[in-house]
Amino acid sequence: VGQVWLANDRLGVAADGARAITNIVLM
């Protein structure tokens, strides 16, 4: 879970509030 939390923290959100991460793949 921490990988996703970190990536969200690093990438932030767009000006319109849309999140950068829309899909997660365990690959």
mmCIF file of all heavy atoms, coordinates in Angstrom:
data_MODEL
# 
_entry.id   MODEL 
# 
loop_
_atom_site.group_PDB 
_atom_site.id 
_atom_site.type_symbol 
_atom_site.label_atom_id 
_atom_site.label_alt_id 
_atom_site.label_comp_id 
_atom_site.label_asym_id 
_atom_site.label_entity_id 
_atom_site.label_seq_id 
_atom_site.pdbx_PDB_ins_code 
_atom_site.Cartn_x 
_atom_site.Cartn_y 
_atom_site.Cartn_z 
_atom_site.occupancy 
_atom_site.B_iso_or_equiv 
_atom_site.pdbx_formal_charge 
_atom_site.auth_seq_id 
_atom_site.auth_comp_id 
_atom_site.auth_asym_id 
_atom_site.auth_atom_id 
_atom_site.pdbx_PDB_model_num 
ATOM 1   N N   . VAL A 1 1  ? 0.837   -1.202 0.000   1.00 0.00 ? 1  VAL A N   1 
ATOM 2   C CA  . VAL A 1 1  ? 0.000   0.000  0.000   1.00 0.00 ? 1  VAL A CA  1 
ATOM 3   C C   . VAL A 1 1  ? 0.873   1.253  0.000   1.00 0.00 ? 1  VAL A C   1 
ATOM 4   O O   . VAL A 1 1  ? 0.549   2.255  -0.649  1.00 0.00 ? 1  VAL A O   1 
ATOM 5   C CB  . VAL A 1 1  ? -0.947  -0.008 1.217   1.00 0.00 ? 1  VAL A CB  1 
ATOM 6   C CG1 . VAL A 1 1  ? -1.723  1.301  1.319   1.00 0.00 ? 1  VAL A CG1 1 
ATOM 7   C CG2 . VAL A 1 1  ? -1.917  -1.182 1.124   1.00 0.00 ? 1  VAL A CG2 1 
ATOM 8   N N   . GLY A 1 2  ? 1.993   1.185  0.700   1.00 0.00 ? 2  GLY A N   1 
ATOM 9   C CA  . GLY A 1 2  ? 2.881   2.337  0.795   1.00 0.00 ? 2  GLY A CA  1 
ATOM 10  C C   . GLY A 1 2  ? 3.408   2.816  -0.533  1.00 0.00 ? 2  GLY A C   1 
ATOM 11  O O   . GLY A 1 2  ? 3.678   4.014  -0.721  1.00 0.00 ? 2  GLY A O   1 
ATOM 12  N N   . GLN A 1 3  ? 3.558   1.912  -1.500  1.00 0.00 ? 3  GLN A N   1 
ATOM 13  C CA  . GLN A 1 3  ? 4.002   2.327  -2.834  1.00 0.00 ? 3  GLN A CA  1 
ATOM 14  C C   . GLN A 1 3  ? 2.983   3.269  -3.475  1.00 0.00 ? 3  GLN A C   1 
ATOM 15  O O   . GLN A 1 3  ? 3.346   4.257  -4.113  1.00 0.00 ? 3  GLN A O   1 
ATOM 16  C CB  . GLN A 1 3  ? 4.211   1.099  -3.722  1.00 0.00 ? 3  GLN A CB  1 
ATOM 17  C CG  . GLN A 1 3  ? 5.326   0.172  -3.273  1.00 0.00 ? 3  GLN A CG  1 
ATOM 18  C CD  . GLN A 1 3  ? 5.328   -1.118 -4.061  1.00 0.00 ? 3  GLN A CD  1 
ATOM 19  O OE1 . GLN A 1 3  ? 5.620   -1.136 -5.265  1.00 0.00 ? 3  GLN A OE1 1 
ATOM 20  N NE2 . GLN A 1 3  ? 5.002   -2.224 -3.409  1.00 0.00 ? 3  GLN A NE2 1 
ATOM 21  N N   . VAL A 1 4  ? 1.704   2.945  -3.297  1.00 0.00 ? 4  VAL A N   1 
ATOM 22  C CA  . VAL A 1 4  ? 0.645   3.772  -3.879  1.00 0.00 ? 4  VAL A CA  1 
ATOM 23  C C   . VAL A 1 4  ? 0.547   5.090  -3.125  1.00 0.00 ? 4  VAL A C   1 
ATOM 24  O O   . VAL A 1 4  ? 0.396   6.161  -3.739  1.00 0.00 ? 4  VAL A O   1 
ATOM 25  C CB  . VAL A 1 4  ? -0.703  3.023  -3.851  1.00 0.00 ? 4  VAL A CB  1 
ATOM 26  C CG1 . VAL A 1 4  ? -1.771  3.831  -4.569  1.00 0.00 ? 4  VAL A CG1 1 
ATOM 27  C CG2 . VAL A 1 4  ? -0.558  1.637  -4.494  1.00 0.00 ? 4  VAL A CG2 1 
ATOM 28  N N   . TRP A 1 5  ? 0.648   5.026  -1.812  1.00 0.00 ? 5  TRP A N   1 
ATOM 29  C CA  . TRP A 1 5  ? 0.562   6.236  -1.006  1.00 0.00 ? 5  TRP A CA  1 
ATOM 30  C C   . TRP A 1 5  ? 1.709   7.183  -1.351  1.00 0.00 ? 5  TRP A C   1 
ATOM 31  O O   . TRP A 1 5  ? 1.514   8.389  -1.519  1.00 0.00 ? 5  TRP A O   1 
ATOM 32  C CB  . TRP A 1 5  ? 0.609   5.855  0.481   1.00 0.00 ? 5  TRP A CB  1 
ATOM 33  C CG  . TRP A 1 5  ? -0.108  6.808  1.393   1.00 0.00 ? 5  TRP A CG  1 
ATOM 34  C CD1 . TRP A 1 5  ? -1.402  6.728  1.811   1.00 0.00 ? 5  TRP A CD1 1 
ATOM 35  C CD2 . TRP A 1 5  ? 0.428   7.982  2.003   1.00 0.00 ? 5  TRP A CD2 1 
ATOM 36  N NE1 . TRP A 1 5  ? -1.707  7.774  2.641   1.00 0.00 ? 5  TRP A NE1 1 
ATOM 37  C CE2 . TRP A 1 5  ? -0.599  8.571  2.787   1.00 0.00 ? 5  TRP A CE2 1 
ATOM 38  C CE3 . TRP A 1 5  ? 1.667   8.608  1.969   1.00 0.00 ? 5  TRP A CE3 1 
ATOM 39  C CZ2 . TRP A 1 5  ? -0.418  9.729  3.528   1.00 0.00 ? 5  TRP A CZ2 1 
ATOM 40  C CZ3 . TRP A 1 5  ? 1.857   9.771  2.709   1.00 0.00 ? 5  TRP A CZ3 1 
ATOM 41  C CH2 . TRP A 1 5  ? 0.821   10.319 3.470   1.00 0.00 ? 5  TRP A CH2 1 
ATOM 42  N N   . LEU A 1 6  ? 2.910   6.635  -1.494  1.00 0.00 ? 6  LEU A N   1 
ATOM 43  C CA  . LEU A 1 6  ? 4.069   7.455  -1.844  1.00 0.00 ? 6  LEU A CA  1 
ATOM 44  C C   . LEU A 1 6  ? 3.903   8.084  -3.222  1.00 0.00 ? 6  LEU A C   1 
ATOM 45  O O   . LEU A 1 6  ? 4.170   9.276  -3.414  1.00 0.00 ? 6  LEU A O   1 
ATOM 46  C CB  . LEU A 1 6  ? 5.342   6.609  -1.800  1.00 0.00 ? 6  LEU A CB  1 
ATOM 47  C CG  . LEU A 1 6  ? 6.648   7.302  -2.179  1.00 0.00 ? 6  LEU A CG  1 
ATOM 48  C CD1 . LEU A 1 6  ? 7.800   6.792  -1.331  1.00 0.00 ? 6  LEU A CD1 1 
ATOM 49  C CD2 . LEU A 1 6  ? 6.983   7.115  -3.660  1.00 0.00 ? 6  LEU A CD2 1 
ATOM 50  N N   . ALA A 1 7  ? 3.475   7.287  -4.195  1.00 0.00 ? 7  ALA A N   1 
ATOM 51  C CA  . ALA A 1 7  ? 3.314   7.812  -5.554  1.00 0.00 ? 7  ALA A CA  1 
ATOM 52  C C   . ALA A 1 7  ? 2.267   8.919  -5.587  1.00 0.00 ? 7  ALA A C   1 
ATOM 53  O O   . ALA A 1 7  ? 2.451   9.943  -6.251  1.00 0.00 ? 7  ALA A O   1 
ATOM 54  C CB  . ALA A 1 7  ? 2.934   6.686  -6.514  1.00 0.00 ? 7  ALA A CB  1 
ATOM 55  N N   . ASN A 1 8  ? 1.161   8.722  -4.869  1.00 0.00 ? 8  ASN A N   1 
ATOM 56  C CA  . ASN A 1 8  ? 0.150   9.785  -4.781  1.00 0.00 ? 8  ASN A CA  1 
ATOM 57  C C   . ASN A 1 8  ? 0.737   11.049 -4.168  1.00 0.00 ? 8  ASN A C   1 
ATOM 58  O O   . ASN A 1 8  ? 0.466   12.163 -4.625  1.00 0.00 ? 8  ASN A O   1 
ATOM 59  C CB  . ASN A 1 8  ? -1.034  9.308  -3.927  1.00 0.00 ? 8  ASN A CB  1 
ATOM 60  C CG  . ASN A 1 8  ? -2.136  8.669  -4.747  1.00 0.00 ? 8  ASN A CG  1 
ATOM 61  O OD1 . ASN A 1 8  ? -2.460  9.140  -5.834  1.00 0.00 ? 8  ASN A OD1 1 
ATOM 62  N ND2 . ASN A 1 8  ? -2.704  7.591  -4.241  1.00 0.00 ? 8  ASN A ND2 1 
ATOM 63  N N   . ASP A 1 9  ? 1.550   10.862 -3.149  1.00 0.00 ? 9  ASP A N   1 
ATOM 64  C CA  . ASP A 1 9  ? 2.166   12.002 -2.478  1.00 0.00 ? 9  ASP A CA  1 
ATOM 65  C C   . ASP A 1 9  ? 3.126   12.735 -3.415  1.00 0.00 ? 9  ASP A C   1 
ATOM 66  O O   . ASP A 1 9  ? 3.163   13.965 -3.440  1.00 0.00 ? 9  ASP A O   1 
ATOM 67  C CB  . ASP A 1 9  ? 2.895   11.518 -1.230  1.00 0.00 ? 9  ASP A CB  1 
ATOM 68  C CG  . ASP A 1 9  ? 3.459   12.650 -0.398  1.00 0.00 ? 9  ASP A CG  1 
ATOM 69  O OD1 . ASP A 1 9  ? 2.669   13.474 0.078   1.00 0.00 ? 9  ASP A OD1 1 
ATOM 70  O OD2 . ASP A 1 9  ? 4.699   12.720 -0.245  1.00 0.00 ? 9  ASP A OD2 1 
ATOM 71  N N   . ARG A 1 10 ? 3.885   11.981 -4.198  1.00 0.00 ? 10 ARG A N   1 
ATOM 72  C CA  . ARG A 1 10 ? 4.866   12.587 -5.112  1.00 0.00 ? 10 ARG A CA  1 
ATOM 73  C C   . ARG A 1 10 ? 4.201   13.238 -6.312  1.00 0.00 ? 10 ARG A C   1 
ATOM 74  O O   . ARG A 1 10 ? 4.650   14.277 -6.799  1.00 0.00 ? 10 ARG A O   1 
ATOM 75  C CB  . ARG A 1 10 ? 5.855   11.528 -5.598  1.00 0.00 ? 10 ARG A CB  1 
ATOM 76  C CG  . ARG A 1 10 ? 6.713   10.896 -4.516  1.00 0.00 ? 10 ARG A CG  1 
ATOM 77  C CD  . ARG A 1 10 ? 7.768   11.840 -3.985  1.00 0.00 ? 10 ARG A CD  1 
ATOM 78  N NE  . ARG A 1 10 ? 8.780   12.134 -4.987  1.00 0.00 ? 10 ARG A NE  1 
ATOM 79  C CZ  . ARG A 1 10 ? 9.829   12.918 -4.773  1.00 0.00 ? 10 ARG A CZ  1 
ATOM 80  N NH1 . ARG A 1 10 ? 9.977   13.506 -3.604  1.00 0.00 ? 10 ARG A NH1 1 
ATOM 81  N NH2 . ARG A 1 10 ? 10.719  13.134 -5.719  1.00 0.00 ? 10 ARG A NH2 1 
ATOM 82  N N   . LEU A 1 11 ? 3.138   12.636 -6.802  1.00 0.00 ? 11 LEU A N   1 
ATOM 83  C CA  . LEU A 1 11 ? 2.517   13.114 -8.029  1.00 0.00 ? 11 LEU A CA  1 
ATOM 84  C C   . LEU A 1 11 ? 1.483   14.202 -7.782  1.00 0.00 ? 11 LEU A C   1 
ATOM 85  O O   . LEU A 1 11 ? 1.219   15.024 -8.662  1.00 0.00 ? 11 LEU A O   1 
ATOM 86  C CB  . LEU A 1 11 ? 1.869   11.942 -8.771  1.00 0.00 ? 11 LEU A CB  1 
ATOM 87  C CG  . LEU A 1 11 ? 2.826   10.849 -9.256  1.00 0.00 ? 11 LEU A CG  1 
ATOM 88  C CD1 . LEU A 1 11 ? 2.044   9.626  -9.703  1.00 0.00 ? 11 LEU A CD1 1 
ATOM 89  C CD2 . LEU A 1 11 ? 3.717   11.356 -10.376 1.00 0.00 ? 11 LEU A CD2 1 
ATOM 90  N N   . GLY A 1 12 ? 0.854   14.167 -6.596  1.00 0.00 ? 12 GLY A N   1 
ATOM 91  C CA  . GLY A 1 12 ? -0.166  15.162 -6.287  1.00 0.00 ? 12 GLY A CA  1 
ATOM 92  C C   . GLY A 1 12 ? -1.408  14.979 -7.140  1.00 0.00 ? 12 GLY A C   1 
ATOM 93  O O   . GLY A 1 12 ? -1.668  13.910 -7.701  1.00 0.00 ? 12 GLY A O   1 
ATOM 94  N N   . VAL A 1 13 ? -2.177  16.062 -7.266  1.00 0.00 ? 13 VAL A N   1 
ATOM 95  C CA  . VAL A 1 13 ? -3.404  16.037 -8.056  1.00 0.00 ? 13 VAL A CA  1 
ATOM 96  C C   . VAL A 1 13 ? -3.375  17.185 -9.051  1.00 0.00 ? 13 VAL A C   1 
ATOM 97  O O   . VAL A 1 13 ? -2.639  18.154 -8.904  1.00 0.00 ? 13 VAL A O   1 
ATOM 98  C CB  . VAL A 1 13 ? -4.662  16.153 -7.168  1.00 0.00 ? 13 VAL A CB  1 
ATOM 99  C CG1 . VAL A 1 13 ? -4.777  14.962 -6.240  1.00 0.00 ? 13 VAL A CG1 1 
ATOM 100 C CG2 . VAL A 1 13 ? -4.623  17.450 -6.361  1.00 0.00 ? 13 VAL A CG2 1 
ATOM 101 N N   . ALA A 1 14 ? -4.186  17.054 -10.079 1.00 0.00 ? 14 ALA A N   1 
ATOM 102 C CA  . ALA A 1 14 ? -4.277  18.110 -11.091 1.00 0.00 ? 14 ALA A CA  1 
ATOM 103 C C   . ALA A 1 14 ? -5.018  19.316 -10.532 1.00 0.00 ? 14 ALA A C   1 
ATOM 104 O O   . ALA A 1 14 ? -5.648  19.261 -9.470  1.00 0.00 ? 14 ALA A O   1 
ATOM 105 C CB  . ALA A 1 14 ? -4.990  17.579 -12.334 1.00 0.00 ? 14 ALA A CB  1 
ATOM 106 N N   . ALA A 1 15 ? -4.949  20.425 -11.276 1.00 0.00 ? 15 ALA A N   1 
ATOM 107 C CA  . ALA A 1 15 ? -5.601  21.660 -10.837 1.00 0.00 ? 15 ALA A CA  1 
ATOM 108 C C   . ALA A 1 15 ? -7.100  21.480 -10.654 1.00 0.00 ? 15 ALA A C   1 
ATOM 109 O O   . ALA A 1 15 ? -7.728  22.132 -9.813  1.00 0.00 ? 15 ALA A O   1 
ATOM 110 C CB  . ALA A 1 15 ? -5.314  22.771 -11.837 1.00 0.00 ? 15 ALA A CB  1 
ATOM 111 N N   . ASP A 1 16 ? -7.695  20.555 -11.432 1.00 0.00 ? 16 ASP A N   1 
ATOM 112 C CA  . ASP A 1 16 ? -9.142  20.332 -11.317 1.00 0.00 ? 16 ASP A CA  1 
ATOM 113 C C   . ASP A 1 16 ? -9.485  19.308 -10.233 1.00 0.00 ? 16 ASP A C   1 
ATOM 114 O O   . ASP A 1 16 ? -10.643 18.908 -10.089 1.00 0.00 ? 16 ASP A O   1 
ATOM 115 C CB  . ASP A 1 16 ? -9.710  19.877 -12.661 1.00 0.00 ? 16 ASP A CB  1 
ATOM 116 C CG  . ASP A 1 16 ? -9.107  18.565 -13.151 1.00 0.00 ? 16 ASP A CG  1 
ATOM 117 O OD1 . ASP A 1 16 ? -8.223  18.013 -12.459 1.00 0.00 ? 16 ASP A OD1 1 
ATOM 118 O OD2 . ASP A 1 16 ? -9.508  18.097 -14.235 1.00 0.00 ? 16 ASP A OD2 1 
ATOM 119 N N   . GLY A 1 17 ? -8.469  18.876 -9.497  1.00 0.00 ? 17 GLY A N   1 
ATOM 120 C CA  . GLY A 1 17 ? -8.700  17.937 -8.414  1.00 0.00 ? 17 GLY A CA  1 
ATOM 121 C C   . GLY A 1 17 ? -8.608  16.478 -8.825  1.00 0.00 ? 17 GLY A C   1 
ATOM 122 O O   . GLY A 1 17 ? -8.713  15.586 -7.981  1.00 0.00 ? 17 GLY A O   1 
ATOM 123 N N   . ALA A 1 18 ? -8.425  16.198 -10.111 1.00 0.00 ? 18 ALA A N   1 
ATOM 124 C CA  . ALA A 1 18 ? -8.324  14.815 -10.586 1.00 0.00 ? 18 ALA A CA  1 
ATOM 125 C C   . ALA A 1 18 ? -7.033  14.184 -10.071 1.00 0.00 ? 18 ALA A C   1 
ATOM 126 O O   . ALA A 1 18 ? -5.984  14.817 -10.021 1.00 0.00 ? 18 ALA A O   1 
ATOM 127 C CB  . ALA A 1 18 ? -8.346  14.781 -12.109 1.00 0.00 ? 18 ALA A CB  1 
ATOM 128 N N   . ARG A 1 19 ? -7.133  12.931 -9.673  1.00 0.00 ? 19 ARG A N   1 
ATOM 129 C CA  . ARG A 1 19 ? -5.944  12.268 -9.157  1.00 0.00 ? 19 ARG A CA  1 
ATOM 130 C C   . ARG A 1 19 ? -5.080  11.755 -10.299 1.00 0.00 ? 19 ARG A C   1 
ATOM 131 O O   . ARG A 1 19 ? -5.580  11.379 -11.364 1.00 0.00 ? 19 ARG A O   1 
ATOM 132 C CB  . ARG A 1 19 ? -6.330  11.126 -8.228  1.00 0.00 ? 19 ARG A CB  1 
ATOM 133 C CG  . ARG A 1 19 ? -7.290  10.112 -8.820  1.00 0.00 ? 19 ARG A CG  1 
ATOM 134 C CD  . ARG A 1 19 ? -7.776  9.172  -7.726  1.00 0.00 ? 19 ARG A CD  1 
ATOM 135 N NE  . ARG A 1 19 ? -8.818  8.271  -8.199  1.00 0.00 ? 19 ARG A NE  1 
ATOM 136 C CZ  . ARG A 1 19 ? -9.542  7.502  -7.394  1.00 0.00 ? 19 ARG A CZ  1 
ATOM 137 N NH1 . ARG A 1 19 ? -9.329  7.524  -6.107  1.00 0.00 ? 19 ARG A NH1 1 
ATOM 138 N NH2 . ARG A 1 19 ? -10.469 6.704  -7.882  1.00 0.00 ? 19 ARG A NH2 1 
ATOM 139 N N   . ALA A 1 20 ? -3.794  11.728 -10.054 1.00 0.00 ? 20 ALA A N   1 
ATOM 140 C CA  . ALA A 1 20 ? -2.859  11.288 -11.082 1.00 0.00 ? 20 ALA A CA  1 
ATOM 141 C C   . ALA A 1 20 ? -2.972  9.791  -11.328 1.00 0.00 ? 20 ALA A C   1 
ATOM 142 O O   . ALA A 1 20 ? -2.890  9.323  -12.462 1.00 0.00 ? 20 ALA A O   1 
ATOM 143 C CB  . ALA A 1 20 ? -1.427  11.658 -10.682 1.00 0.00 ? 20 ALA A CB  1 
ATOM 144 N N   . ILE A 1 21 ? -3.173  9.022  -10.255 1.00 0.00 ? 21 ILE A N   1 
ATOM 145 C CA  . ILE A 1 21 ? -3.222  7.559  -10.374 1.00 0.00 ? 21 ILE A CA  1 
ATOM 146 C C   . ILE A 1 21 ? -4.670  7.116  -10.489 1.00 0.00 ? 21 ILE A C   1 
ATOM 147 O O   . ILE A 1 21 ? -5.463  7.251  -9.545  1.00 0.00 ? 21 ILE A O   1 
ATOM 148 C CB  . ILE A 1 21 ? -2.554  6.888  -9.162  1.00 0.00 ? 21 ILE A CB  1 
ATOM 149 C CG1 . ILE A 1 21 ? -1.072  7.271  -9.084  1.00 0.00 ? 21 ILE A CG1 1 
ATOM 150 C CG2 . ILE A 1 21 ? -2.705  5.364  -9.244  1.00 0.00 ? 21 ILE A CG2 1 
ATOM 151 C CD1 . ILE A 1 21 ? -0.404  6.856  -7.799  1.00 0.00 ? 21 ILE A CD1 1 
ATOM 152 N N   . THR A 1 22 ? -5.029  6.585  -11.640 1.00 0.00 ? 22 THR A N   1 
ATOM 153 C CA  . THR A 1 22 ? -6.393  6.089  -11.860 1.00 0.00 ? 22 THR A CA  1 
ATOM 154 C C   . THR A 1 22 ? -6.456  4.570  -11.897 1.00 0.00 ? 22 THR A C   1 
ATOM 155 O O   . THR A 1 22 ? -7.541  3.998  -11.754 1.00 0.00 ? 22 THR A O   1 
ATOM 156 C CB  . THR A 1 22 ? -6.947  6.626  -13.194 1.00 0.00 ? 22 THR A CB  1 
ATOM 157 O OG1 . THR A 1 22 ? -6.121  6.144  -14.274 1.00 0.00 ? 22 THR A OG1 1 
ATOM 158 C CG2 . THR A 1 22 ? -6.944  8.151  -13.212 1.00 0.00 ? 22 THR A CG2 1 
ATOM 159 N N   . ASN A 1 23 ? -5.312  3.919  -12.122 1.00 0.00 ? 23 ASN A N   1 
ATOM 160 C CA  . ASN A 1 23 ? -5.255  2.465  -12.238 1.00 0.00 ? 23 ASN A CA  1 
ATOM 161 C C   . ASN A 1 23 ? -4.051  1.939  -11.467 1.00 0.00 ? 23 ASN A C   1 
ATOM 162 O O   . ASN A 1 23 ? -2.983  2.562  -11.466 1.00 0.00 ? 23 ASN A O   1 
ATOM 163 C CB  . ASN A 1 23 ? -5.125  2.041  -13.700 1.00 0.00 ? 23 ASN A CB  1 
ATOM 164 C CG  . ASN A 1 23 ? -6.337  2.405  -14.536 1.00 0.00 ? 23 ASN A CG  1 
ATOM 165 O OD1 . ASN A 1 23 ? -6.616  3.575  -14.765 1.00 0.00 ? 23 ASN A OD1 1 
ATOM 166 N ND2 . ASN A 1 23 ? -7.051  1.396  -15.004 1.00 0.00 ? 23 ASN A ND2 1 
ATOM 167 N N   . ILE A 1 24 ? -4.228  0.782  -10.845 1.00 0.00 ? 24 ILE A N   1 
ATOM 168 C CA  . ILE A 1 24 ? -3.135  0.102  -10.160 1.00 0.00 ? 24 ILE A CA  1 
ATOM 169 C C   . ILE A 1 24 ? -3.000  -1.292 -10.752 1.00 0.00 ? 24 ILE A C   1 
ATOM 170 O O   . ILE A 1 24 ? -3.994  -2.015 -10.895 1.00 0.00 ? 24 ILE A O   1 
ATOM 171 C CB  . ILE A 1 24 ? -3.383  0.002  -8.647  1.00 0.00 ? 24 ILE A CB  1 
ATOM 172 C CG1 . ILE A 1 24 ? -3.426  1.397  -8.016  1.00 0.00 ? 24 ILE A CG1 1 
ATOM 173 C CG2 . ILE A 1 24 ? -2.305  -0.846 -7.970  1.00 0.00 ? 24 ILE A CG2 1 
ATOM 174 C CD1 . ILE A 1 24 ? -3.841  1.387  -6.562  1.00 0.00 ? 24 ILE A CD1 1 
ATOM 175 N N   . VAL A 1 25 ? -1.781  -1.673 -11.113 1.00 0.00 ? 25 VAL A N   1 
ATOM 176 C CA  . VAL A 1 25 ? -1.530  -3.012 -11.631 1.00 0.00 ? 25 VAL A CA  1 
ATOM 177 C C   . VAL A 1 25 ? -0.439  -3.665 -10.788 1.00 0.00 ? 25 VAL A C   1 
ATOM 178 O O   . VAL A 1 25 ? 0.607   -3.075 -10.539 1.00 0.00 ? 25 VAL A O   1 
ATOM 179 C CB  . VAL A 1 25 ? -1.135  -2.999 -13.123 1.00 0.00 ? 25 VAL A CB  1 
ATOM 180 C CG1 . VAL A 1 25 ? -2.291  -2.507 -13.973 1.00 0.00 ? 25 VAL A CG1 1 
ATOM 181 C CG2 . VAL A 1 25 ? 0.089   -2.146 -13.387 1.00 0.00 ? 25 VAL A CG2 1 
ATOM 182 N N   . LEU A 1 26 ? -0.709  -4.857 -10.316 1.00 0.00 ? 26 LEU A N   1 
ATOM 183 C CA  . LEU A 1 26 ? 0.309   -5.622 -9.604  1.00 0.00 ? 26 LEU A CA  1 
ATOM 184 C C   . LEU A 1 26 ? 1.088   -6.417 -10.644 1.00 0.00 ? 26 LEU A C   1 
ATOM 185 O O   . LEU A 1 26 ? 0.881   -7.611 -10.843 1.00 0.00 ? 26 LEU A O   1 
ATOM 186 C CB  . LEU A 1 26 ? -0.324  -6.534 -8.558  1.00 0.00 ? 26 LEU A CB  1 
ATOM 187 C CG  . LEU A 1 26 ? -0.851  -5.801 -7.323  1.00 0.00 ? 26 LEU A CG  1 
ATOM 188 C CD1 . LEU A 1 26 ? -2.369  -5.628 -7.413  1.00 0.00 ? 26 LEU A CD1 1 
ATOM 189 C CD2 . LEU A 1 26 ? -0.492  -6.535 -6.046  1.00 0.00 ? 26 LEU A CD2 1 
ATOM 190 N N   . MET A 1 27 ? 1.978   -5.709 -11.328 1.00 0.00 ? 27 MET A N   1 
ATOM 191 C CA  . MET A 1 27 ? 2.781   -6.278 -12.403 1.00 0.00 ? 27 MET A CA  1 
ATOM 192 C C   . MET A 1 27 ? 4.257   -5.950 -12.217 1.00 0.00 ? 27 MET A C   1 
ATOM 193 O O   . MET A 1 27 ? 5.044   -6.103 -13.139 1.00 0.00 ? 27 MET A O   1 
ATOM 194 C CB  . MET A 1 27 ? 2.313   -5.746 -13.765 1.00 0.00 ? 27 MET A CB  1 
ATOM 195 C CG  . MET A 1 27 ? 0.918   -6.154 -14.167 1.00 0.00 ? 27 MET A CG  1 
ATOM 196 S SD  . MET A 1 27 ? 0.506   -5.539 -15.818 1.00 0.00 ? 27 MET A SD  1 
ATOM 197 C CE  . MET A 1 27 ? -1.188  -6.105 -15.985 1.00 0.00 ? 27 MET A CE  1 
# 
